[in-house]
């Protein structure tokens, strides 16, 4: 799909405020507590989704870590996390 400057990409996943997720600063690696704010889930819910494999991540010691690219891919393939038009 060709993008026109000044026109929003309506296929891009958006945050709860309607901005494309790619335009929000995200560190390369996120922890469960950071994901809870982004995904609007409780930290316990995020950890449960990580344990079950619904959210891709790795456990390192007592922390769950998720890469930015894995998070963006998860949001893109999960219809309930994409916001069409706020």
Protein backbone atom coordinates (compact mmCIF):
# COMPACT_ATOMS: atom_id res chain seq x y z
CA UNK A 1 0.00 0.00 0.00
CA UNK A 2 1.34 3.44 -0.88
CA UNK A 3 1.30 6.07 1.83
CA UNK A 4 0.55 9.69 1.17
CA UNK A 5 2.37 12.21 3.36
CA UNK A 6 0.02 13.79 5.82
CA UNK A 7 -2.48 10.92 5.60
CA UNK A 8 -2.65 8.52 8.56
CA UNK A 9 -1.91 4.86 7.99
CA UNK A 10 -5.30 3.37 8.92
CA UNK A 11 -3.89 -0.18 8.92
CA UNK A 12 -1.30 0.56 11.62
CA UNK A 13 -1.99 -0.59 15.18
CA UNK A 14 -2.82 2.35 17.42
CA UNK A 15 -2.43 3.13 21.07
CA UNK A 16 -5.45 3.88 23.21
CA UNK A 17 -5.13 7.53 22.19
CA UNK A 18 -5.34 6.85 18.46
CA UNK A 19 -1.64 7.39 17.70
CA UNK A 20 0.12 4.65 15.70
CA UNK A 21 2.03 2.41 18.10
CA UNK A 22 5.18 2.89 16.00
CA UNK A 23 5.08 6.63 16.78
CA UNK A 24 5.21 6.05 20.54
CA UNK A 25 8.70 5.64 22.01
CA UNK A 26 9.17 2.06 23.10
CA UNK A 27 12.44 0.71 24.49
CA UNK A 28 14.00 -2.31 22.77
CA UNK A 29 13.08 -4.55 25.72
CA UNK A 30 9.97 -4.15 27.90
CA UNK A 31 9.02 -5.75 31.22
CA UNK A 32 5.54 -6.95 32.24
CA UNK A 33 4.75 -3.76 34.16
CA UNK A 34 5.48 -1.63 31.08
CA UNK A 35 3.36 -3.93 28.91
CA UNK A 36 0.42 -3.60 31.28
CA UNK A 37 0.21 0.13 30.57
CA UNK A 38 0.59 -0.30 26.83
CA UNK A 39 -1.89 -3.17 26.52
CA UNK A 40 -4.25 -1.81 29.22
CA UNK A 41 -4.06 -5.03 31.21
CA UNK A 42 -3.13 -5.66 34.81
CA UNK A 43 0.47 -6.76 35.43
CA UNK A 44 -0.88 -10.13 36.63
CA UNK A 45 -2.90 -10.50 33.41
CA UNK A 46 0.17 -9.69 31.32
CA UNK A 47 2.24 -12.27 33.22
CA UNK A 48 -0.50 -14.88 32.73
CA UNK A 49 -0.58 -14.14 28.98
CA UNK A 50 3.22 -14.41 28.85
CA UNK A 51 3.17 -17.76 30.70
CA UNK A 52 0.51 -19.16 28.36
CA UNK A 53 2.33 -17.93 25.25
CA UNK A 54 -0.42 -15.55 24.11
CA UNK A 55 2.15 -12.74 24.36
CA UNK A 56 5.63 -13.69 23.12
CA UNK A 57 8.33 -13.21 25.74
CA UNK A 58 11.11 -14.77 27.75
CA UNK A 59 11.53 -15.22 31.44
CA UNK A 60 14.88 -14.09 32.78
CA UNK A 61 15.18 -14.73 36.49
CA UNK A 62 11.97 -13.41 38.00
CA UNK A 63 11.18 -10.97 35.17
CA UNK A 64 9.38 -11.42 31.90
CA UNK A 65 11.00 -9.60 28.97
CA UNK A 66 9.40 -8.79 25.62
CA UNK A 67 11.15 -7.25 22.63
CA UNK A 68 9.62 -4.21 20.96
CA UNK A 69 9.42 -6.05 17.62
CA UNK A 70 7.61 -9.02 19.23
CA UNK A 71 5.16 -6.64 20.92
CA UNK A 72 4.41 -4.76 17.68
CA UNK A 73 3.92 -8.07 15.83
CA UNK A 74 1.57 -9.28 18.60
CA UNK A 75 -0.48 -6.07 18.40
CA UNK A 76 -0.64 -6.25 14.60
CA UNK A 77 -1.98 -9.82 14.60
CA UNK A 78 -4.45 -9.36 17.48
CA UNK A 79 -7.62 -7.67 16.21
CA UNK A 80 -8.88 -6.77 19.70
CA UNK A 81 -5.70 -4.72 20.33
CA UNK A 82 -5.98 -2.69 17.12
CA UNK A 83 -8.15 0.40 17.23
CA UNK A 84 -9.83 1.23 13.94
CA UNK A 85 -10.81 4.89 14.32
CA UNK A 86 -11.04 6.50 17.76
